[in-house]
Amino acid sequence: MQIAVVGRGDCSGEEYAAARAVGRLIAGIGAVVCCGGLGGVMEAACRGAREAGGTTVGILPDTGDANPYVDVTIRTGMGHARNVVLVHSADTVIAVGGGYGTLSEIAVALKTGKPVYGLATWEIEGVVACATPEEAVSRAGRPSRPSRSPRGPGGPA
């Protein structure tokens, strides 16, 4: 199973701690952390996973280097369009905090019928709010997905 962890590259200390715990817990269930490969929430999730012996994949927006905790680096040169590649590479998504980039990842996930679990993130229809990293990973790590049209809750686009 591959779980995308999405959030700001310039996150708060609280968001960093939550994302690090999420990464550690994802590794603990034997899943792979996928992220945008840069700093902030992305770095924290990779750091937590690496510390727990897990595997991390960073899907970069450019051709530069990933954070030091990324095991597999995918340099896309696609800018923000890499958000689509990231979401499609994952089975589920966990959003930690986040800005507009995170919102775009959430939107792609919901549009394609992928479950999204949130920790202090956007409060929108389809995002399952979770109180703790443990709850988010427990829910995201379940193999079954909710039955939802790939077009999302609003029907055809």
C-alpha atoms as a PDB file:
ATOM      1  CA  MET A   1       0.000   0.000   0.000  1.00  0.00           C
ATOM      2  CA  GLN A   2       1.165   3.526  -0.805  1.00  0.00           C
ATOM      3  CA  ILE A   3      -0.115   6.445   1.253  1.00  0.00           C
ATOM      4  CA  ALA A   4       0.413  10.033   0.109  1.00  0.00           C
ATOM      5  CA  VAL A   5       1.159  12.539   2.841  1.00  0.00           C
ATOM      6  CA  VAL A   6       0.459  16.079   1.698  1.00  0.00           C
ATOM      7  CA  GLY A   7       0.913  19.471   3.346  1.00  0.00           C
ATOM      8  CA  ARG A   8       2.869  22.718   3.314  1.00  0.00           C
ATOM      9  CA  GLY A   9       6.544  22.925   2.548  1.00  0.00           C
ATOM     10  CA  ASP A  10       6.781  25.661   5.190  1.00  0.00           C
ATOM     11  CA  CYS A  11       4.720  24.057   7.953  1.00  0.00           C
ATOM     12  CA  SER A  12       4.445  24.889  11.637  1.00  0.00           C
ATOM     13  CA  GLY A  13       6.265  22.931  14.332  1.00  0.00           C
ATOM     14  CA  GLU A  14       2.986  21.275  15.299  1.00  0.00           C
ATOM     15  CA  GLU A  15       2.325  20.189  11.703  1.00  0.00           C
ATOM     16  CA  TYR A  16       5.901  18.894  11.403  1.00  0.00           C
ATOM     17  CA  ALA A  17       5.472  16.766  14.537  1.00  0.00           C
ATOM     18  CA  ALA A  18       2.131  15.400  13.324  1.00  0.00           C
ATOM     19  CA  ALA A  19       3.529  14.552   9.874  1.00  0.00           C
ATOM     20  CA  ARG A  20       6.575  12.870  11.409  1.00  0.00           C
ATOM     21  CA  ALA A  21       4.275  10.717  13.537  1.00  0.00           C
ATOM     22  CA  VAL A  22       2.163   9.921  10.458  1.00  0.00           C
ATOM     23  CA  GLY A  23       5.268   8.790   8.578  1.00  0.00           C
ATOM     24  CA  ARG A  24       6.406   6.612  11.462  1.00  0.00           C
ATOM     25  CA  LEU A  25       2.975   5.015  11.746  1.00  0.00           C
ATOM     26  CA  ILE A  26       2.721   4.407   7.991  1.00  0.00           C
ATOM     27  CA  ALA A  27       6.045   2.566   8.099  1.00  0.00           C
ATOM     28  CA  GLY A  28       4.725   0.628  11.081  1.00  0.00           C
ATOM     29  CA  ILE A  29       1.890  -0.835   9.026  1.00  0.00           C
ATOM     30  CA  GLY A  30       4.266  -1.731   6.192  1.00  0.00           C
ATOM     31  CA  ALA A  31       3.021   0.907   3.765  1.00  0.00           C
ATOM     32  CA  VAL A  32       5.114   3.268   1.622  1.00  0.00           C
ATOM     33  CA  VAL A  33       5.089   7.038   2.196  1.00  0.00           C
ATOM     34  CA  CYS A  34       4.622   9.027  -1.017  1.00  0.00           C
ATOM     35  CA  CYS A  35       4.991  12.803  -0.946  1.00  0.00           C
ATOM     36  CA  GLY A  36       6.115  15.824  -2.908  1.00  0.00           C
ATOM     37  CA  GLY A  37       9.701  15.209  -1.798  1.00  0.00           C
ATOM     38  CA  LEU A  38      10.513  18.677  -0.499  1.00  0.00           C
ATOM     39  CA  GLY A  39      10.540  20.219   3.013  1.00  0.00           C
ATOM     40  CA  GLY A  40       8.014  20.813   5.754  1.00  0.00           C
ATOM     41  CA  VAL A  41       5.270  18.190   6.031  1.00  0.00           C
ATOM     42  CA  MET A  42       6.877  16.189   3.219  1.00  0.00           C
ATOM     43  CA  GLU A  43      10.251  16.040   4.971  1.00  0.00           C
ATOM     44  CA  ALA A  44       8.659  15.250   8.321  1.00  0.00           C
ATOM     45  CA  ALA A  45       6.636  12.318   6.956  1.00  0.00           C
ATOM     46  CA  CYS A  46       9.721  10.901   5.231  1.00  0.00           C
ATOM     47  CA  ARG A  47      11.836  11.400   8.342  1.00  0.00           C
ATOM     48  CA  GLY A  48       9.326   9.567  10.527  1.00  0.00           C
ATOM     49  CA  ALA A  49       9.035   6.700   8.044  1.00  0.00           C
ATOM     50  CA  ARG A  50      12.810   6.384   7.663  1.00  0.00           C
ATOM     51  CA  GLU A  51      13.301   6.381  11.439  1.00  0.00           C
ATOM     52  CA  ALA A  52      10.857   3.473  11.628  1.00  0.00           C
ATOM     53  CA  GLY A  53      12.553   1.544   8.816  1.00  0.00           C
ATOM     54  CA  GLY A  54      10.005   2.406   6.157  1.00  0.00           C
ATOM     55  CA  THR A  55      10.290   3.319   2.488  1.00  0.00           C
ATOM     56  CA  THR A  56       9.730   6.825   1.116  1.00  0.00           C
ATOM     57  CA  VAL A  57       9.053   8.148  -2.380  1.00  0.00           C
ATOM     58  CA  GLY A  58       9.356  11.827  -3.299  1.00  0.00           C
ATOM     59  CA  ILE A  59       7.680  13.060  -6.478  1.00  0.00           C
ATOM     60  CA  LEU A  60       9.410  16.386  -7.128  1.00  0.00           C
ATOM     61  CA  PRO A  61       7.979  19.333  -9.037  1.00  0.00           C
ATOM     62  CA  ASP A  62      11.350  20.055 -10.636  1.00  0.00           C
ATOM     63  CA  THR A  63      14.666  18.410 -11.426  1.00  0.00           C
ATOM     64  CA  GLY A  64      16.366  19.265  -8.129  1.00  0.00           C
ATOM     65  CA  ASP A  65      17.127  17.215  -5.067  1.00  0.00           C
ATOM     66  CA  ALA A  66      14.673  15.740  -2.596  1.00  0.00           C
ATOM     67  CA  ASN A  67      14.813  16.098   1.165  1.00  0.00           C
ATOM     68  CA  PRO A  68      17.421  13.859   2.816  1.00  0.00           C
ATOM     69  CA  TYR A  69      14.841  11.292   3.977  1.00  0.00           C
ATOM     70  CA  VAL A  70      13.563  10.325   0.502  1.00  0.00           C
ATOM     71  CA  ASP A  71      14.583   6.833  -0.666  1.00  0.00           C
ATOM     72  CA  VAL A  72      13.228   7.036  -4.220  1.00  0.00           C
ATOM     73  CA  THR A  73      13.294  10.399  -6.006  1.00  0.00           C
ATOM     74  CA  ILE A  74      11.128  11.025  -9.058  1.00  0.00           C
ATOM     75  CA  ARG A  75      12.087  14.309 -10.740  1.00  0.00           C
ATOM     76  CA  THR A  76       9.127  15.353 -12.887  1.00  0.00           C
ATOM     77  CA  GLY A  77       9.950  18.853 -14.117  1.00  0.00           C
ATOM     78  CA  MET A  78       6.153  19.352 -14.043  1.00  0.00           C
ATOM     79  CA  GLY A  79       5.770  22.047 -11.394  1.00  0.00           C
ATOM     80  CA  HIS A  80       2.429  21.896  -9.597  1.00  0.00           C
ATOM     81  CA  ALA A  81       1.156  19.353 -12.121  1.00  0.00           C
ATOM     82  CA  ARG A  82       3.200  16.791 -10.195  1.00  0.00           C
ATOM     83  CA  ASN A  83       0.408  16.887  -7.593  1.00  0.00           C
ATOM     84  CA  VAL A  84      -1.686  14.784  -9.971  1.00  0.00           C
ATOM     85  CA  VAL A  85       1.122  12.220 -10.333  1.00  0.00           C
ATOM     86  CA  LEU A  86       1.528  12.081  -6.558  1.00  0.00           C
ATOM     87  CA  VAL A  87      -2.152  11.449  -5.864  1.00  0.00           C
ATOM     88  CA  HIS A  88      -2.455   8.860  -8.628  1.00  0.00           C
ATOM     89  CA  SER A  89       0.574   7.057  -7.162  1.00  0.00           C
ATOM     90  CA  ALA A  90      -1.172   6.559  -3.821  1.00  0.00           C
ATOM     91  CA  ASP A  91      -3.992   4.372  -2.561  1.00  0.00           C
ATOM     92  CA  THR A  92      -5.107   6.928   0.018  1.00  0.00           C
ATOM     93  CA  VAL A  93      -4.144  10.459   1.078  1.00  0.00           C
ATOM     94  CA  ILE A  94      -3.424  12.006   4.462  1.00  0.00           C
ATOM     95  CA  ALA A  95      -3.420  15.807   4.522  1.00  0.00           C
ATOM     96  CA  VAL A  96      -1.598  17.554   7.371  1.00  0.00           C
ATOM     97  CA  GLY A  97      -2.442  21.249   7.536  1.00  0.00           C
ATOM     98  CA  GLY A  98      -1.860  22.750   4.136  1.00  0.00           C
ATOM     99  CA  GLY A  99      -2.294  25.585   1.713  1.00  0.00           C
ATOM    100  CA  TYR A 100      -3.522  25.786  -1.871  1.00  0.00           C
ATOM    101  CA  GLY A 101      -1.128  23.088  -3.133  1.00  0.00           C
ATOM    102  CA  THR A 102      -2.544  20.734  -0.528  1.00  0.00           C
ATOM    103  CA  LEU A 103      -6.044  21.738  -1.557  1.00  0.00           C
ATOM    104  CA  SER A 104      -5.249  20.804  -5.158  1.00  0.00           C
ATOM    105  CA  GLU A 105      -4.019  17.374  -4.041  1.00  0.00           C
ATOM    106  CA  ILE A 106      -7.148  16.873  -1.970  1.00  0.00           C
ATOM    107  CA  ALA A 107      -9.303  17.873  -4.943  1.00  0.00           C
ATOM    108  CA  VAL A 108      -7.582  15.407  -7.282  1.00  0.00           C
ATOM    109  CA  ALA A 109      -7.936  12.631  -4.712  1.00  0.00           C
ATOM    110  CA  LEU A 110     -11.633  13.293  -4.160  1.00  0.00           C
ATOM    111  CA  LYS A 111     -12.281  13.670  -7.896  1.00  0.00           C
ATOM    112  CA  THR A 112     -10.697  10.250  -8.519  1.00  0.00           C
ATOM    113  CA  GLY A 113     -12.477   8.535  -5.625  1.00  0.00           C
ATOM    114  CA  LYS A 114      -9.492   8.190  -3.310  1.00  0.00           C
ATOM    115  CA  PRO A 115     -10.086   8.520   0.413  1.00  0.00           C
ATOM    116  CA  VAL A 116      -8.661  11.618   2.111  1.00  0.00           C
ATOM    117  CA  TYR A 117      -8.001  11.806   5.840  1.00  0.00           C
ATOM    118  CA  GLY A 118      -7.136  15.154   7.358  1.00  0.00           C
ATOM    119  CA  LEU A 119      -5.287  16.471  10.372  1.00  0.00           C
ATOM    120  CA  ALA A 120      -6.103  20.165  10.901  1.00  0.00           C
ATOM    121  CA  THR A 121      -6.546  20.638   7.160  1.00  0.00           C
ATOM    122  CA  TRP A 122      -9.198  21.959   4.795  1.00  0.00           C
ATOM    123  CA  GLU A 123     -12.719  21.337   6.078  1.00  0.00           C
ATOM    124  CA  ILE A 124     -14.497  20.347   2.889  1.00  0.00           C
ATOM    125  CA  GLU A 125     -16.924  17.635   1.878  1.00  0.00           C
ATOM    126  CA  GLY A 126     -15.145  14.331   1.398  1.00  0.00           C
ATOM    127  CA  VAL A 127     -12.223  14.966   3.744  1.00  0.00           C
ATOM    128  CA  VAL A 128     -12.510  12.766   6.835  1.00  0.00           C
ATOM    129  CA  ALA A 129     -11.318  14.813   9.798  1.00  0.00           C
ATOM    130  CA  CYS A 130      -9.071  12.890  12.180  1.00  0.00           C
ATOM    131  CA  ALA A 131      -8.052  13.945  15.667  1.00  0.00           C
ATOM    132  CA  THR A 132      -4.665  12.221  15.816  1.00  0.00           C
ATOM    133  CA  PRO A 133      -1.966  10.806  13.544  1.00  0.00           C
ATOM    134  CA  GLU A 134      -2.909   7.349  14.845  1.00  0.00           C
ATOM    135  CA  GLU A 135      -6.512   7.765  13.737  1.00  0.00           C
ATOM    136  CA  ALA A 136      -5.503   9.085  10.298  1.00  0.00           C
ATOM    137  CA  VAL A 137      -3.105   6.210   9.598  1.00  0.00           C
ATOM    138  CA  SER A 138      -5.469   3.599  11.013  1.00  0.00           C
ATOM    139  CA  ARG A 139      -8.217   4.771   8.672  1.00  0.00           C
ATOM    140  CA  ALA A 140      -5.941   5.349   5.661  1.00  0.00           C
ATOM    141  CA  GLY A 141      -4.310   1.956   6.071  1.00  0.00           C
ATOM    142  CA  ARG A 142      -7.507  -0.001   5.662  1.00  0.00           C
ATOM    143  CA  PRO A 143      -7.498  -1.879   2.375  1.00  0.00           C
ATOM    144  CA  SER A 144     -11.095  -1.117   1.437  1.00  0.00           C
ATOM    145  CA  ARG A 145     -12.155   2.168  -0.088  1.00  0.00           C
ATOM    146  CA  PRO A 146     -15.482   3.937   0.276  1.00  0.00           C
ATOM    147  CA  SER A 147     -17.805   3.426  -2.650  1.00  0.00           C
ATOM    148  CA  ARG A 148     -17.830   6.711  -4.460  1.00  0.00           C
ATOM    149  CA  SER A 149     -18.065   7.713  -8.074  1.00  0.00           C
ATOM    150  CA  PRO A 150     -14.731   8.680  -9.637  1.00  0.00           C
ATOM    151  CA  ARG A 151     -16.415  11.948 -10.503  1.00  0.00           C
ATOM    152  CA  GLY A 152     -16.793  12.799  -6.818  1.00  0.00           C
ATOM    153  CA  PRO A 153     -19.824  13.652  -4.715  1.00  0.00           C
ATOM    154  CA  GLY A 154     -21.184  16.218  -7.187  1.00  0.00           C
ATOM    155  CA  GLY A 155     -21.584  13.832 -10.121  1.00  0.00           C
ATOM    156  CA  PRO A 156     -20.353  14.518 -13.641  1.00  0.00           C
ATOM    157  CA  ALA A 157     -17.963  17.402 -14.117  1.00  0.00           C
END
